[in-house]
Amino acid sequence: MSNKRGPGQGRGGRAAAGRRSSKPQSRGAGRTGRARQGDAPAPKTKQKTLGGEQIEGRQAVRELLLAQRRKVHEVWISGELEGSDAVDDIVAIAEANRVPVIKVARKKLEQAARSEAPQGVLALAAALPEADLNRYLRRQGGKPPFVVAVDGVTDPGNLGAIIRNCDGAGVDVIVVPRHRAVHVTPTVAKASAGAVEHVPIAVVSGLPAALQRMRDAGIWVVGLDDAADRTLFDLGDLAAEPVCVVLGAEGAGLSRLVRERCDVIVSIPMLGRVSSLNVSAAAALTTYEIRRHRSS
């Protein structure tokens, strides 16, 4: 199987030359002349973010503090856990990084929590920055890109587990659609055990178009589907090439347009009576199978 692709054909053409207007180009230009470039500062482009300003759970908060990827405003600790070995490490790391630690009543912390079990620990931080997908479409340090795309996963526990799996398998970036999908919530961060602090996540307006960009960049797009004739274990040498694994939504699987952008569709063999795996379990098996080929 060859992965050679033709270069994309850009659209060219000269811009139409408009008539030069005799009217002033800016307010007051008729009196003072046209403003010179550099007189006014260029507007700053606001960085897009993933959310995730509230982080809950001991491991998630601990990784937030250790990663030092974003500013942490404060850490809340339930007063009932004060002096407990379970949170002493978190308090020590926070104090070392000059992050305020606030002791609060358990009831207040649980009322502020947005996940089911915050474990007596909550942190407030700056939002996670979105990753620039283009950066990950080329080889990094001589290594072929390893991408995971998520097609409409809406369960935060599933997305968190997928992020945790991707961190373990050394995935370069995770791609999620901007609409009809869950992003980073307190439950996602907690379910990822803090892996949201380490795995870059890119948000795209349309997943089919993003997959086409990957194909144009020479990345093989591999979709997972229960009904596929070829299995994951038939990928062979292709697994060592630049690869994007596409995971379908819970129940619905791959959408039609996403399926059409896949180069290969594979299934995970199911030898029992249940027809499929949970999407996060499928992510773990698939990413580690690809990593196995890349490590040999």
C-alpha atoms as a PDB file:
ATOM      1  CA  MET A   1       0.000   0.000   0.000  1.00  0.00           C
ATOM      2  CA  SER A   2       1.504   3.318  -1.033  1.00  0.00           C
ATOM      3  CA  ASN A   3       0.901   6.597   0.709  1.00  0.00           C
ATOM      4  CA  LYS A   4       2.017   8.902  -2.090  1.00  0.00           C
ATOM      5  CA  ARG A   5      -0.373  11.713  -2.712  1.00  0.00           C
ATOM      6  CA  GLY A   6      -0.441  14.491  -5.240  1.00  0.00           C
ATOM      7  CA  PRO A   7       0.010  18.024  -3.982  1.00  0.00           C
ATOM      8  CA  GLY A   8      -3.149  20.055  -3.460  1.00  0.00           C
ATOM      9  CA  GLN A   9      -3.947  22.489  -6.221  1.00  0.00           C
ATOM     10  CA  GLY A  10      -4.331  25.996  -4.877  1.00  0.00           C
ATOM     11  CA  ARG A  11      -6.624  28.488  -6.480  1.00  0.00           C
ATOM     12  CA  GLY A  12      -4.781  31.334  -8.114  1.00  0.00           C
ATOM     13  CA  GLY A  13      -5.606  34.454 -10.025  1.00  0.00           C
ATOM     14  CA  ARG A  14      -4.837  38.117  -9.868  1.00  0.00           C
ATOM     15  CA  ALA A  15      -6.842  40.353  -7.589  1.00  0.00           C
ATOM     16  CA  ALA A  16      -8.937  42.866  -9.442  1.00  0.00           C
ATOM     17  CA  ALA A  17      -7.383  46.281  -9.432  1.00  0.00           C
ATOM     18  CA  GLY A  18      -9.894  48.771  -8.135  1.00  0.00           C
ATOM     19  CA  ARG A  19      -9.961  52.474  -8.834  1.00  0.00           C
ATOM     20  CA  ARG A  20      -8.219  54.640  -6.352  1.00  0.00           C
ATOM     21  CA  SER A  21     -10.845  56.638  -4.501  1.00  0.00           C
ATOM     22  CA  SER A  22     -10.437  60.359  -3.996  1.00  0.00           C
ATOM     23  CA  LYS A  23     -12.178  60.067  -0.644  1.00  0.00           C
ATOM     24  CA  PRO A  24     -10.097  59.990   2.553  1.00  0.00           C
ATOM     25  CA  GLN A  25      -9.107  56.460   3.574  1.00  0.00           C
ATOM     26  CA  SER A  26      -9.714  57.071   7.255  1.00  0.00           C
ATOM     27  CA  ARG A  27     -11.542  59.529   9.458  1.00  0.00           C
ATOM     28  CA  GLY A  28      -9.629  62.800   9.435  1.00  0.00           C
ATOM     29  CA  ALA A  29      -7.334  61.723   6.610  1.00  0.00           C
ATOM     30  CA  GLY A  30      -8.465  64.689   4.526  1.00  0.00           C
ATOM     31  CA  ARG A  31      -6.996  67.035   7.141  1.00  0.00           C
ATOM     32  CA  THR A  32      -3.956  65.210   8.444  1.00  0.00           C
ATOM     33  CA  GLY A  33      -3.087  62.774   5.686  1.00  0.00           C
ATOM     34  CA  ARG A  34      -3.313  59.031   5.625  1.00  0.00           C
ATOM     35  CA  ALA A  35      -2.238  57.302   8.840  1.00  0.00           C
ATOM     36  CA  ARG A  36       1.193  55.758   8.532  1.00  0.00           C
ATOM     37  CA  GLN A  37       1.679  52.055   9.136  1.00  0.00           C
ATOM     38  CA  GLY A  38       2.841  51.576  12.679  1.00  0.00           C
ATOM     39  CA  ASP A  39       1.082  54.627  14.107  1.00  0.00           C
ATOM     40  CA  ALA A  40      -1.555  52.425  15.735  1.00  0.00           C
ATOM     41  CA  PRO A  41      -0.808  49.035  17.281  1.00  0.00           C
ATOM     42  CA  ALA A  42      -2.239  46.018  15.440  1.00  0.00           C
ATOM     43  CA  PRO A  43      -5.109  44.362  17.266  1.00  0.00           C
ATOM     44  CA  LYS A  44      -4.040  41.267  19.197  1.00  0.00           C
ATOM     45  CA  THR A  45      -5.468  37.944  18.108  1.00  0.00           C
ATOM     46  CA  LYS A  46      -7.204  36.320  21.037  1.00  0.00           C
ATOM     47  CA  GLN A  47      -5.982  32.786  21.625  1.00  0.00           C
ATOM     48  CA  LYS A  48      -8.696  30.184  21.330  1.00  0.00           C
ATOM     49  CA  THR A  49      -9.212  28.054  24.389  1.00  0.00           C
ATOM     50  CA  LEU A  50     -10.750  24.720  25.297  1.00  0.00           C
ATOM     51  CA  GLY A  51     -12.305  25.745  28.610  1.00  0.00           C
ATOM     52  CA  GLY A  52     -11.380  23.622  31.587  1.00  0.00           C
ATOM     53  CA  GLU A  53     -11.060  26.508  34.048  1.00  0.00           C
ATOM     54  CA  GLN A  54     -12.376  24.347  36.907  1.00  0.00           C
ATOM     55  CA  ILE A  55     -10.486  21.157  37.695  1.00  0.00           C
ATOM     56  CA  GLU A  56     -11.681  18.592  40.212  1.00  0.00           C
ATOM     57  CA  GLY A  57     -10.247  15.437  41.734  1.00  0.00           C
ATOM     58  CA  ARG A  58      -6.927  14.805  43.418  1.00  0.00           C
ATOM     59  CA  GLN A  59      -4.979  13.389  40.482  1.00  0.00           C
ATOM     60  CA  ALA A  60      -6.328  15.951  38.012  1.00  0.00           C
ATOM     61  CA  VAL A  61      -5.403  18.870  40.299  1.00  0.00           C
ATOM     62  CA  ARG A  62      -1.998  17.358  41.045  1.00  0.00           C
ATOM     63  CA  GLU A  63      -1.182  17.058  37.315  1.00  0.00           C
ATOM     64  CA  LEU A  64      -2.448  20.598  36.749  1.00  0.00           C
ATOM     65  CA  LEU A  65       0.081  21.880  39.281  1.00  0.00           C
ATOM     66  CA  LEU A  66       2.943  19.695  38.046  1.00  0.00           C
ATOM     67  CA  ALA A  67       2.460  20.491  34.349  1.00  0.00           C
ATOM     68  CA  GLN A  68       2.769  24.273  34.876  1.00  0.00           C
ATOM     69  CA  ARG A  69       1.182  24.678  31.452  1.00  0.00           C
ATOM     70  CA  ARG A  70      -1.283  27.350  32.557  1.00  0.00           C
ATOM     71  CA  LYS A  71      -1.774  29.735  35.449  1.00  0.00           C
ATOM     72  CA  VAL A  72      -3.485  28.261  38.502  1.00  0.00           C
ATOM     73  CA  HIS A  73      -5.439  30.892  40.433  1.00  0.00           C
ATOM     74  CA  GLU A  74      -6.211  28.919  43.591  1.00  0.00           C
ATOM     75  CA  VAL A  75      -6.727  25.450  45.013  1.00  0.00           C
ATOM     76  CA  TRP A  76      -9.605  24.568  47.323  1.00  0.00           C
ATOM     77  CA  ILE A  77      -9.152  21.811  49.885  1.00  0.00           C
ATOM     78  CA  SER A  78     -11.993  20.421  51.986  1.00  0.00           C
ATOM     79  CA  GLY A  79     -11.408  21.258  55.652  1.00  0.00           C
ATOM     80  CA  GLU A  80     -12.047  17.612  56.551  1.00  0.00           C
ATOM     81  CA  LEU A  81      -8.945  16.567  54.595  1.00  0.00           C
ATOM     82  CA  GLU A  82      -6.571  19.018  56.272  1.00  0.00           C
ATOM     83  CA  GLY A  83      -3.466  17.172  57.413  1.00  0.00           C
ATOM     84  CA  SER A  84      -4.369  14.099  55.345  1.00  0.00           C
ATOM     85  CA  ASP A  85      -1.677  12.266  53.394  1.00  0.00           C
ATOM     86  CA  ALA A  86      -4.103  12.237  50.449  1.00  0.00           C
ATOM     87  CA  VAL A  87      -3.785  15.993  49.917  1.00  0.00           C
ATOM     88  CA  ASP A  88      -0.508  16.938  51.632  1.00  0.00           C
ATOM     89  CA  ASP A  89       1.360  16.406  48.365  1.00  0.00           C
ATOM     90  CA  ILE A  90      -1.043  18.696  46.501  1.00  0.00           C
ATOM     91  CA  VAL A  91      -0.717  21.398  49.143  1.00  0.00           C
ATOM     92  CA  ALA A  92       3.094  21.162  49.048  1.00  0.00           C
ATOM     93  CA  ILE A  93       3.221  21.471  45.237  1.00  0.00           C
ATOM     94  CA  ALA A  94       0.774  24.385  45.276  1.00  0.00           C
ATOM     95  CA  GLU A  95       2.759  26.262  47.931  1.00  0.00           C
ATOM     96  CA  ALA A  96       6.011  25.626  46.050  1.00  0.00           C
ATOM     97  CA  ASN A  97       4.447  27.246  42.998  1.00  0.00           C
ATOM     98  CA  ARG A  98       2.975  30.099  45.062  1.00  0.00           C
ATOM     99  CA  VAL A  99      -0.586  29.046  44.342  1.00  0.00           C
ATOM    100  CA  PRO A 100      -3.012  30.066  47.113  1.00  0.00           C
ATOM    101  CA  VAL A 101      -4.519  27.104  48.978  1.00  0.00           C
ATOM    102  CA  ILE A 102      -7.912  27.781  50.521  1.00  0.00           C
ATOM    103  CA  LYS A 103      -9.496  25.532  53.144  1.00  0.00           C
ATOM    104  CA  VAL A 104     -13.261  25.410  52.662  1.00  0.00           C
ATOM    105  CA  ALA A 105     -16.140  23.503  54.178  1.00  0.00           C
ATOM    106  CA  ARG A 106     -16.900  20.208  52.460  1.00  0.00           C
ATOM    107  CA  LYS A 107     -20.459  21.321  51.695  1.00  0.00           C
ATOM    108  CA  LYS A 108     -19.280  24.506  49.968  1.00  0.00           C
ATOM    109  CA  LEU A 109     -16.771  22.599  47.839  1.00  0.00           C
ATOM    110  CA  GLU A 110     -19.327  19.994  46.786  1.00  0.00           C
ATOM    111  CA  GLN A 111     -21.839  22.706  45.897  1.00  0.00           C
ATOM    112  CA  ALA A 112     -19.268  24.369  43.653  1.00  0.00           C
ATOM    113  CA  ALA A 113     -18.203  21.061  42.074  1.00  0.00           C
ATOM    114  CA  ARG A 114     -19.471  20.067  38.636  1.00  0.00           C
ATOM    115  CA  SER A 115     -18.376  16.429  38.724  1.00  0.00           C
ATOM    116  CA  GLU A 116     -19.865  13.661  40.819  1.00  0.00           C
ATOM    117  CA  ALA A 117     -16.900  13.036  43.120  1.00  0.00           C
ATOM    118  CA  PRO A 118     -14.432  15.931  43.472  1.00  0.00           C
ATOM    119  CA  GLN A 119     -12.595  14.027  46.241  1.00  0.00           C
ATOM    120  CA  GLY A 120     -12.353  17.144  48.406  1.00  0.00           C
ATOM    121  CA  VAL A 121     -10.074  18.976  45.957  1.00  0.00           C
ATOM    122  CA  LEU A 122     -10.889  21.672  43.404  1.00  0.00           C
ATOM    123  CA  ALA A 123      -8.758  24.156  41.482  1.00  0.00           C
ATOM    124  CA  LEU A 124      -9.468  27.282  39.440  1.00  0.00           C
ATOM    125  CA  ALA A 125      -7.112  28.020  36.561  1.00  0.00           C
ATOM    126  CA  ALA A 126      -6.738  29.749  33.211  1.00  0.00           C
ATOM    127  CA  ALA A 127      -8.388  27.979  30.293  1.00  0.00           C
ATOM    128  CA  LEU A 128      -6.514  25.323  28.337  1.00  0.00           C
ATOM    129  CA  PRO A 129      -5.168  26.636  25.035  1.00  0.00           C
ATOM    130  CA  GLU A 130      -6.259  24.986  21.806  1.00  0.00           C
ATOM    131  CA  ALA A 131      -3.519  23.247  19.842  1.00  0.00           C
ATOM    132  CA  ASP A 132      -2.714  24.316  16.280  1.00  0.00           C
ATOM    133  CA  LEU A 133      -3.430  21.211  14.194  1.00  0.00           C
ATOM    134  CA  ASN A 134      -1.126  22.334  11.356  1.00  0.00           C
ATOM    135  CA  ARG A 135       1.853  21.995  13.679  1.00  0.00           C
ATOM    136  CA  TYR A 136       1.200  18.262  14.050  1.00  0.00           C
ATOM    137  CA  LEU A 137       0.719  17.410  10.384  1.00  0.00           C
ATOM    138  CA  ARG A 138       4.458  17.162   9.772  1.00  0.00           C
ATOM    139  CA  ARG A 139       7.154  15.022  11.310  1.00  0.00           C
ATOM    140  CA  GLN A 140       8.359  16.038  14.744  1.00  0.00           C
ATOM    141  CA  GLY A 141      11.974  15.090  15.443  1.00  0.00           C
ATOM    142  CA  GLY A 142      11.927  12.666  12.520  1.00  0.00           C
ATOM    143  CA  LYS A 143       8.906  10.784  13.889  1.00  0.00           C
ATOM    144  CA  PRO A 144       5.764  10.300  11.777  1.00  0.00           C
ATOM    145  CA  PRO A 145       2.626  12.061  13.053  1.00  0.00           C
ATOM    146  CA  PHE A 146       0.300  10.049  15.297  1.00  0.00           C
ATOM    147  CA  VAL A 147      -3.146  11.645  15.527  1.00  0.00           C
ATOM    148  CA  VAL A 148      -6.457  10.569  17.067  1.00  0.00           C
ATOM    149  CA  ALA A 149      -9.683  12.180  15.854  1.00  0.00           C
ATOM    150  CA  VAL A 150     -12.942  11.860  17.783  1.00  0.00           C
ATOM    151  CA  ASP A 151     -16.124  11.937  15.706  1.00  0.00           C
ATOM    152  CA  GLY A 152     -18.866  13.319  17.926  1.00  0.00           C
ATOM    153  CA  VAL A 153     -18.154  11.688  21.304  1.00  0.00           C
ATOM    154  CA  THR A 154     -20.526  13.352  23.774  1.00  0.00           C
ATOM    155  CA  ASP A 155     -19.901  11.473  27.021  1.00  0.00           C
ATOM    156  CA  PRO A 156     -17.323  13.351  29.168  1.00  0.00           C
ATOM    157  CA  GLY A 157     -16.207  10.159  30.897  1.00  0.00           C
ATOM    158  CA  ASN A 158     -15.425   8.583  27.528  1.00  0.00           C
ATOM    159  CA  LEU A 159     -13.504  11.593  26.251  1.00  0.00           C
ATOM    160  CA  GLY A 160     -11.499  11.784  29.475  1.00  0.00           C
ATOM    161  CA  ALA A 161     -10.581   8.093  29.221  1.00  0.00           C
ATOM    162  CA  ILE A 162      -9.620   8.535  25.547  1.00  0.00           C
ATOM    163  CA  ILE A 163      -7.310  11.420  26.452  1.00  0.00           C
ATOM    164  CA  ARG A 164      -5.724   9.307  29.190  1.00  0.00           C
ATOM    165  CA  ASN A 165      -5.199   6.423  26.747  1.00  0.00           C
ATOM    166  CA  CYS A 166      -3.670   8.746  24.155  1.00  0.00           C
ATOM    167  CA  ASP A 167      -1.242  10.141  26.695  1.00  0.00           C
ATOM    168  CA  GLY A 168      -0.086   6.639  27.569  1.00  0.00           C
ATOM    169  CA  ALA A 169       0.307   5.569  23.934  1.00  0.00           C
ATOM    170  CA  GLY A 170       2.225   8.693  22.942  1.00  0.00           C
ATOM    171  CA  VAL A 171      -0.351  10.228  20.603  1.00  0.00           C
ATOM    172  CA  ASP A 172       0.788  13.630  19.307  1.00  0.00           C
ATOM    173  CA  VAL A 173      -2.569  15.419  19.199  1.00  0.00           C
ATOM    174  CA  ILE A 174      -6.280  14.740  19.621  1.00  0.00           C
ATOM    175  CA  VAL A 175      -8.743  16.347  17.199  1.00  0.00           C
ATOM    176  CA  VAL A 176     -12.334  17.083  18.224  1.00  0.00           C
ATOM    177  CA  PRO A 177     -15.101  18.863  16.290  1.00  0.00           C
ATOM    178  CA  ARG A 178     -16.262  22.220  17.611  1.00  0.00           C
ATOM    179  CA  HIS A 179     -19.941  21.260  17.481  1.00  0.00           C
ATOM    180  CA  ARG A 180     -21.936  18.233  18.638  1.00  0.00           C
ATOM    181  CA  ALA A 181     -19.129  16.934  20.832  1.00  0.00           C
ATOM    182  CA  VAL A 182     -18.000  17.295  24.431  1.00  0.00           C
ATOM    183  CA  HIS A 183     -14.910  19.419  25.126  1.00  0.00           C
ATOM    184  CA  VAL A 184     -12.948  19.854  28.367  1.00  0.00           C
ATOM    185  CA  THR A 185     -15.201  19.839  31.427  1.00  0.00           C
ATOM    186  CA  PRO A 186     -14.399  19.051  35.075  1.00  0.00           C
ATOM    187  CA  THR A 187     -15.589  15.471  34.458  1.00  0.00           C
ATOM    188  CA  VAL A 188     -13.368  15.139  31.369  1.00  0.00           C
ATOM    189  CA  ALA A 189     -10.324  16.426  33.272  1.00  0.00           C
ATOM    190  CA  LYS A 190     -11.018  14.100  36.201  1.00  0.00           C
ATOM    191  CA  ALA A 191     -11.636  11.050  33.990  1.00  0.00           C
ATOM    192  CA  SER A 192      -8.375  11.759  32.172  1.00  0.00           C
ATOM    193  CA  ALA A 193      -6.508  11.671  35.519  1.00  0.00           C
ATOM    194  CA  GLY A 194      -4.909  14.977  34.558  1.00  0.00           C
ATOM    195  CA  ALA A 195      -3.843  13.898  31.045  1.00  0.00           C
ATOM    196  CA  VAL A 196      -5.623  16.978  29.631  1.00  0.00           C
ATOM    197  CA  GLU A 197      -2.604  18.922  30.884  1.00  0.00           C
ATOM    198  CA  HIS A 198      -0.215  16.924  28.691  1.00  0.00           C
ATOM    199  CA  VAL A 199      -1.983  15.930  25.453  1.00  0.00           C
ATOM    200  CA  PRO A 200      -2.536  18.735  22.913  1.00  0.00           C
ATOM    201  CA  ILE A 201      -6.158  19.016  21.757  1.00  0.00           C
ATOM    202  CA  ALA A 202      -7.106  20.725  18.495  1.00  0.00           C
ATOM    203  CA  VAL A 203     -10.690  21.855  17.828  1.00  0.00           C
ATOM    204  CA  VAL A 204     -11.821  21.966  14.197  1.00  0.00           C
ATOM    205  CA  SER A 205     -14.953  23.483  12.710  1.00  0.00           C
ATOM    206  CA  GLY A 206     -15.517  20.436  10.505  1.00  0.00           C
ATOM    207  CA  LEU A 207     -13.935  17.025  11.018  1.00  0.00           C
ATOM    208  CA  PRO A 208     -14.311  15.815   7.390  1.00  0.00           C
ATOM    209  CA  ALA A 209     -12.399  18.850   6.112  1.00  0.00           C
ATOM    210  CA  ALA A 210      -9.697  18.357   8.766  1.00  0.00           C
ATOM    211  CA  LEU A 211      -9.293  14.713   7.731  1.00  0.00           C
ATOM    212  CA  GLN A 212      -8.899  15.784   4.113  1.00  0.00           C
ATOM    213  CA  ARG A 213      -6.140  18.188   5.173  1.00  0.00           C
ATOM    214  CA  MET A 214      -4.383  15.276   6.858  1.00  0.00           C
ATOM    215  CA  ARG A 215      -4.678  13.148   3.730  1.00  0.00           C
ATOM    216  CA  ASP A 216      -3.250  15.991   1.646  1.00  0.00           C
ATOM    217  CA  ALA A 217      -0.337  16.108   4.113  1.00  0.00           C
ATOM    218  CA  GLY A 218       0.383  12.407   3.553  1.00  0.00           C
ATOM    219  CA  ILE A 219      -1.291  11.073   6.698  1.00  0.00           C
ATOM    220  CA  TRP A 220      -3.251   7.834   6.456  1.00  0.00           C
ATOM    221  CA  VAL A 221      -6.748   8.156   7.926  1.00  0.00           C
ATOM    222  CA  VAL A 222      -7.878   4.921   9.598  1.00  0.00           C
ATOM    223  CA  GLY A 223     -11.484   4.665  10.790  1.00  0.00           C
ATOM    224  CA  LEU A 224     -12.851   2.148  13.278  1.00  0.00           C
ATOM    225  CA  ASP A 225     -16.111   0.382  12.458  1.00  0.00           C
ATOM    226  CA  ASP A 226     -17.569  -2.908  13.713  1.00  0.00           C
ATOM    227  CA  ALA A 227     -18.714  -3.956  10.231  1.00  0.00           C
ATOM    228  CA  ALA A 228     -15.356  -3.531   8.471  1.00  0.00           C
ATOM    229  CA  ASP A 229     -13.920  -6.601   6.696  1.00  0.00           C
ATOM    230  CA  ARG A 230     -10.322  -5.747   7.565  1.00  0.00           C
ATOM    231  CA  THR A 231      -9.249  -5.921  11.214  1.00  0.00           C
ATOM    232  CA  LEU A 232      -7.011  -3.636  13.221  1.00  0.00           C
ATOM    233  CA  PHE A 233      -4.357  -6.352  13.255  1.00  0.00           C
ATOM    234  CA  ASP A 234      -4.195  -6.344   9.447  1.00  0.00           C
ATOM    235  CA  LEU A 235      -2.766  -2.820   9.303  1.00  0.00           C
ATOM    236  CA  GLY A 236       0.799  -4.153   9.311  1.00  0.00           C
ATOM    237  CA  ASP A 237       3.439  -1.691   8.133  1.00  0.00           C
ATOM    238  CA  LEU A 238       0.840   1.022   7.610  1.00  0.00           C
ATOM    239  CA  ALA A 239       0.730   1.458  11.402  1.00  0.00           C
ATOM    240  CA  ALA A 240       4.295   2.759  11.303  1.00  0.00           C
ATOM    241  CA  GLU A 241       3.400   5.455   8.754  1.00  0.00           C
ATOM    242  CA  PRO A 242       1.887   8.878   9.533  1.00  0.00           C
ATOM    243  CA  VAL A 243      -1.536   7.852  10.881  1.00  0.00           C
ATOM    244  CA  CYS A 244      -4.766   9.386  12.143  1.00  0.00           C
ATOM    245  CA  VAL A 245      -7.137   7.014  13.959  1.00  0.00           C
ATOM    246  CA  VAL A 246     -10.791   8.088  13.815  1.00  0.00           C
ATOM    247  CA  LEU A 247     -13.087   6.988  16.644  1.00  0.00           C
ATOM    248  CA  GLY A 248     -16.840   7.080  16.082  1.00  0.00           C
ATOM    249  CA  ALA A 249     -19.484   8.402  18.441  1.00  0.00           C
ATOM    250  CA  GLU A 250     -21.093   6.211  21.074  1.00  0.00           C
ATOM    251  CA  GLY A 251     -23.711   4.074  19.375  1.00  0.00           C
ATOM    252  CA  ALA A 252     -23.806   5.945  16.052  1.00  0.00           C
ATOM    253  CA  GLY A 253     -20.216   5.207  15.035  1.00  0.00           C
ATOM    254  CA  LEU A 254     -18.597   7.108  12.176  1.00  0.00           C
ATOM    255  CA  SER A 255     -20.698   9.712  10.400  1.00  0.00           C
ATOM    256  CA  ARG A 256     -21.118   9.334   6.635  1.00  0.00           C
ATOM    257  CA  LEU A 257     -18.885  12.262   5.636  1.00  0.00           C
ATOM    258  CA  VAL A 258     -16.152  11.200   8.056  1.00  0.00           C
ATOM    259  CA  ARG A 259     -16.272   7.622   6.739  1.00  0.00           C
ATOM    260  CA  GLU A 260     -15.849   8.932   3.183  1.00  0.00           C
ATOM    261  CA  ARG A 261     -12.629  10.716   4.198  1.00  0.00           C
ATOM    262  CA  CYS A 262     -11.061   7.528   5.633  1.00  0.00           C
ATOM    263  CA  ASP A 263      -8.429   5.679   3.583  1.00  0.00           C
ATOM    264  CA  VAL A 264      -8.968   2.441   5.488  1.00  0.00           C
ATOM    265  CA  ILE A 265     -11.793   1.148   7.696  1.00  0.00           C
ATOM    266  CA  VAL A 266     -10.891  -1.536  10.242  1.00  0.00           C
ATOM    267  CA  SER A 267     -12.685  -3.405  13.000  1.00  0.00           C
ATOM    268  CA  ILE A 268     -11.622  -4.848  16.334  1.00  0.00           C
ATOM    269  CA  PRO A 269     -12.230  -8.618  16.381  1.00  0.00           C
ATOM    270  CA  MET A 270     -14.910  -9.570  18.909  1.00  0.00           C
ATOM    271  CA  LEU A 271     -14.769 -13.263  19.849  1.00  0.00           C
ATOM    272  CA  GLY A 272     -17.553 -13.185  22.423  1.00  0.00           C
ATOM    273  CA  ARG A 273     -21.235 -12.397  22.152  1.00  0.00           C
ATOM    274  CA  VAL A 274     -20.993  -8.620  22.656  1.00  0.00           C
ATOM    275  CA  SER A 275     -20.713  -6.859  19.313  1.00  0.00           C
ATOM    276  CA  SER A 276     -18.371  -3.985  20.191  1.00  0.00           C
ATOM    277  CA  LEU A 277     -16.164  -2.304  22.765  1.00  0.00           C
ATOM    278  CA  ASN A 278     -16.735   0.991  24.538  1.00  0.00           C
ATOM    279  CA  VAL A 279     -15.148   3.798  22.506  1.00  0.00           C
ATOM    280  CA  SER A 280     -12.495   4.477  25.180  1.00  0.00           C
ATOM    281  CA  ALA A 281     -11.546   0.780  25.323  1.00  0.00           C
ATOM    282  CA  ALA A 282     -11.358   0.738  21.522  1.00  0.00           C
ATOM    283  CA  ALA A 283      -9.117   3.806  21.677  1.00  0.00           C
ATOM    284  CA  ALA A 284      -6.759   2.089  24.116  1.00  0.00           C
ATOM    285  CA  LEU A 285      -6.468  -1.082  22.063  1.00  0.00           C
ATOM    286  CA  THR A 286      -6.009   0.737  18.760  1.00  0.00           C
ATOM    287  CA  THR A 287      -3.478   3.326  19.901  1.00  0.00           C
ATOM    288  CA  TYR A 288      -1.327   0.738  21.655  1.00  0.00           C
ATOM    289  CA  GLU A 289      -1.439  -1.590  18.629  1.00  0.00           C
ATOM    290  CA  ILE A 290      -0.160   1.265  16.462  1.00  0.00           C
ATOM    291  CA  ARG A 291       2.447   2.175  19.064  1.00  0.00           C
ATOM    292  CA  ARG A 292       3.643  -1.450  19.082  1.00  0.00           C
ATOM    293  CA  HIS A 293       4.445  -1.241  15.367  1.00  0.00           C
ATOM    294  CA  ARG A 294       6.246   2.072  15.820  1.00  0.00           C
ATOM    295  CA  SER A 295       8.410   0.746  18.637  1.00  0.00           C
ATOM    296  CA  SER A 296       9.641  -2.342  16.779  1.00  0.00           C
END
